[in-house]
C-alpha atoms as a PDB file:
ATOM      1  CA  MET A   1      -9.459 -17.156  55.154  1.00  0.00           C
ATOM      2  CA  HIS A   2      -6.823 -17.143  57.806  1.00  0.00           C
ATOM      3  CA  LEU A   3      -3.300 -15.904  57.054  1.00  0.00           C
ATOM      4  CA  LEU A   4       0.012 -16.208  58.879  1.00  0.00           C
ATOM      5  CA  LEU A   5       2.816 -14.423  57.031  1.00  0.00           C
ATOM      6  CA  ASP A   6       6.440 -13.635  57.820  1.00  0.00           C
ATOM      7  CA  VAL A   7       7.477 -10.225  56.527  1.00  0.00           C
ATOM      8  CA  ASN A   8      10.942  -8.665  56.677  1.00  0.00           C
ATOM      9  CA  CYS A   9       9.975  -5.842  59.039  1.00  0.00           C
ATOM     10  CA  ASP A  10      13.298  -4.055  58.470  1.00  0.00           C
ATOM     11  CA  VAL A  11      12.382  -3.655  54.796  1.00  0.00           C
ATOM     12  CA  TYR A  12       8.585  -3.391  55.096  1.00  0.00           C
ATOM     13  CA  PRO A  13       7.307  -2.551  58.589  1.00  0.00           C
ATOM     14  CA  LEU A  14       3.849  -4.029  59.068  1.00  0.00           C
ATOM     15  CA  HIS A  15       2.219  -3.778  62.473  1.00  0.00           C
ATOM     16  CA  ARG A  16      -0.524  -5.746  64.201  1.00  0.00           C
ATOM     17  CA  ASP A  17      -4.009  -4.625  63.125  1.00  0.00           C
ATOM     18  CA  GLU A  18      -2.583  -2.590  60.233  1.00  0.00           C
ATOM     19  CA  LYS A  19      -4.737  -3.119  57.144  1.00  0.00           C
ATOM     20  CA  PHE A  20      -3.224  -4.249  53.865  1.00  0.00           C
ATOM     21  CA  THR A  21      -4.173  -5.677  50.495  1.00  0.00           C
ATOM     22  CA  MET A  22      -2.544  -8.942  49.456  1.00  0.00           C
ATOM     23  CA  ALA A  23      -2.391 -10.727  46.129  1.00  0.00           C
ATOM     24  CA  LEU A  24      -1.092 -14.207  45.398  1.00  0.00           C
ATOM     25  CA  ALA A  25      -0.010 -14.693  41.781  1.00  0.00           C
ATOM     26  CA  PRO A  26       1.939 -17.228  39.691  1.00  0.00           C
ATOM     27  CA  THR A  27       3.407 -14.446  37.515  1.00  0.00           C
ATOM     28  CA  LEU A  28       4.036 -10.711  37.618  1.00  0.00           C
ATOM     29  CA  SER A  29       3.055 -10.309  33.981  1.00  0.00           C
ATOM     30  CA  LEU A  30      -0.070  -8.178  33.582  1.00  0.00           C
ATOM     31  CA  ASP A  31      -1.332 -10.424  30.766  1.00  0.00           C
ATOM     32  CA  GLY A  32      -0.771 -13.629  32.777  1.00  0.00           C
ATOM     33  CA  THR A  33       2.156 -14.861  30.683  1.00  0.00           C
ATOM     34  CA  PRO A  34       4.269 -17.273  32.755  1.00  0.00           C
ATOM     35  CA  ASP A  35       7.675 -15.972  33.777  1.00  0.00           C
ATOM     36  CA  GLU A  36      10.980 -17.606  34.630  1.00  0.00           C
ATOM     37  CA  GLY A  37      11.067 -16.331  38.208  1.00  0.00           C
ATOM     38  CA  VAL A  38      13.834 -13.872  37.343  1.00  0.00           C
ATOM     39  CA  LEU A  39      13.374 -10.158  38.007  1.00  0.00           C
ATOM     40  CA  ASP A  40      12.644  -8.395  34.718  1.00  0.00           C
ATOM     41  CA  GLN A  41      14.700  -5.196  34.758  1.00  0.00           C
ATOM     42  CA  SER A  42      13.548  -4.000  31.325  1.00  0.00           C
ATOM     43  CA  GLY A  43      11.233  -1.384  32.839  1.00  0.00           C
ATOM     44  CA  LYS A  44       8.148  -3.129  31.439  1.00  0.00           C
ATOM     45  CA  ARG A  45       5.070  -2.589  33.638  1.00  0.00           C
ATOM     46  CA  SER A  46       4.160  -5.507  35.900  1.00  0.00           C
ATOM     47  CA  LEU A  47       1.859  -6.462  38.732  1.00  0.00           C
ATOM     48  CA  ALA A  48       4.656  -5.505  41.153  1.00  0.00           C
ATOM     49  CA  ASP A  49       4.183  -1.830  40.176  1.00  0.00           C
ATOM     50  CA  ARG A  50       0.820  -1.868  41.965  1.00  0.00           C
ATOM     51  CA  TYR A  51       2.241  -3.082  45.299  1.00  0.00           C
ATOM     52  CA  ASP A  52       4.856  -1.971  47.836  1.00  0.00           C
ATOM     53  CA  TYR A  53       6.331  -5.344  48.860  1.00  0.00           C
ATOM     54  CA  VAL A  54       6.808  -8.472  46.738  1.00  0.00           C
ATOM     55  CA  MET A  55       8.204 -11.902  47.625  1.00  0.00           C
ATOM     56  CA  TYR A  56       8.767 -14.920  45.387  1.00  0.00           C
ATOM     57  CA  GLY A  57       8.541 -18.455  46.750  1.00  0.00           C
ATOM     58  CA  LYS A  58       7.448 -22.041  46.424  1.00  0.00           C
ATOM     59  CA  LEU A  59       4.370 -23.866  47.699  1.00  0.00           C
ATOM     60  CA  TYR A  60       5.890 -26.733  49.680  1.00  0.00           C
ATOM     61  CA  LYS A  61       2.917 -28.180  51.560  1.00  0.00           C
ATOM     62  CA  TYR A  62      -0.802 -28.524  50.826  1.00  0.00           C
ATOM     63  CA  SER A  63      -3.001 -30.331  53.325  1.00  0.00           C
ATOM     64  CA  ASP A  64      -6.657 -30.904  54.164  1.00  0.00           C
ATOM     65  CA  ASP A  65      -7.864 -29.764  57.586  1.00  0.00           C
ATOM     66  CA  HIS A  66     -11.002 -31.374  59.042  1.00  0.00           C
ATOM     67  CA  SER A  67     -10.466 -30.077  62.599  1.00  0.00           C
ATOM     68  CA  THR A  68     -13.344 -27.563  62.453  1.00  0.00           C
ATOM     69  CA  GLY A  69     -15.842 -30.041  60.988  1.00  0.00           C
ATOM     70  CA  ALA A  70     -15.954 -28.250  57.637  1.00  0.00           C
ATOM     71  CA  LEU A  71     -13.256 -29.072  55.112  1.00  0.00           C
ATOM     72  CA  LYS A  72     -10.543 -26.426  54.925  1.00  0.00           C
ATOM     73  CA  VAL A  73      -7.152 -26.574  53.232  1.00  0.00           C
ATOM     74  CA  ASP A  74      -3.830 -25.287  54.486  1.00  0.00           C
ATOM     75  CA  ILE A  75      -1.191 -24.140  52.049  1.00  0.00           C
ATOM     76  CA  TYR A  76       2.375 -23.397  53.061  1.00  0.00           C
ATOM     77  CA  VAL A  77       4.741 -21.280  50.970  1.00  0.00           C
ATOM     78  CA  SER A  78       8.408 -20.554  51.649  1.00  0.00           C
ATOM     79  CA  PHE A  79       9.868 -17.259  50.475  1.00  0.00           C
ATOM     80  CA  GLY A  80      13.555 -17.930  51.054  1.00  0.00           C
ATOM     81  CA  GLY A  81      13.066 -18.567  54.770  1.00  0.00           C
ATOM     82  CA  LEU A  82      10.086 -16.276  55.318  1.00  0.00           C
ATOM     83  CA  LEU A  83       6.987 -18.466  55.538  1.00  0.00           C
ATOM     84  CA  MET A  84       3.292 -18.160  54.820  1.00  0.00           C
ATOM     85  CA  LYS A  85       0.384 -20.340  55.917  1.00  0.00           C
ATOM     86  CA  LEU A  86      -2.981 -19.718  54.304  1.00  0.00           C
ATOM     87  CA  LYS A  87      -6.080 -21.590  55.476  1.00  0.00           C
ATOM     88  CA  GLY A  88      -9.348 -21.403  53.606  1.00  0.00           C
ATOM     89  CA  ASP A  89     -12.089 -23.098  51.637  1.00  0.00           C
ATOM     90  CA  PRO A  90     -10.858 -25.517  48.978  1.00  0.00           C
ATOM     91  CA  GLN A  91     -12.903 -23.723  46.315  1.00  0.00           C
ATOM     92  CA  HIS A  92     -10.739 -20.604  46.790  1.00  0.00           C
ATOM     93  CA  LEU A  93      -7.404 -22.424  46.853  1.00  0.00           C
ATOM     94  CA  ASN A  94      -7.977 -25.282  44.405  1.00  0.00           C
ATOM     95  CA  GLU A  95      -5.865 -23.687  41.626  1.00  0.00           C
ATOM     96  CA  LEU A  96      -2.717 -23.961  43.741  1.00  0.00           C
ATOM     97  CA  GLN A  97      -0.443 -26.985  43.376  1.00  0.00           C
ATOM     98  CA  MET A  98       2.519 -28.500  45.183  1.00  0.00           C
ATOM     99  CA  ASP A  99       5.901 -27.083  44.104  1.00  0.00           C
ATOM    100  CA  GLN A 100       4.185 -24.165  42.353  1.00  0.00           C
ATOM    101  CA  ARG A 101       6.165 -20.905  42.297  1.00  0.00           C
ATOM    102  CA  LEU A 102       4.164 -17.966  43.644  1.00  0.00           C
ATOM    103  CA  TYR A 103       4.484 -14.263  44.270  1.00  0.00           C
ATOM    104  CA  VAL A 104       2.903 -12.633  47.290  1.00  0.00           C
ATOM    105  CA  LEU A 105       2.315  -8.904  46.884  1.00  0.00           C
ATOM    106  CA  LEU A 106       1.410  -6.477  49.690  1.00  0.00           C
ATOM    107  CA  ARG A 107       0.204  -2.887  49.803  1.00  0.00           C
ATOM    108  CA  LYS A 108      -0.902  -1.015  52.921  1.00  0.00           C
ATOM    109  CA  VAL A 109      -4.435   0.381  52.965  1.00  0.00           C
ATOM    110  CA  LYS A 110      -4.601   3.966  54.169  1.00  0.00           C
END
């Protein structure tokens, strides 16, 4: 997989070659229950508790890429102006759909 990701470096400084763990999820609920995309302030545990930086956005473009000879897909997600492009094998990204709401979660690896 190849990832290009905008991060608000004033809030979460992330430097070149710094290692991190990333998750892409349709919900923050630990049991997979869909959410409304509104921050739950009840104090209930969520996937966000396991990460340092969370963004919520929408998948706005999904395209096939044949430029390398092998089929790859590109997905593009907008997080309120911060953008992500993820390129990889279709088998790893086939669950994602146009206009799907997604969370991206980051945690630095020490």
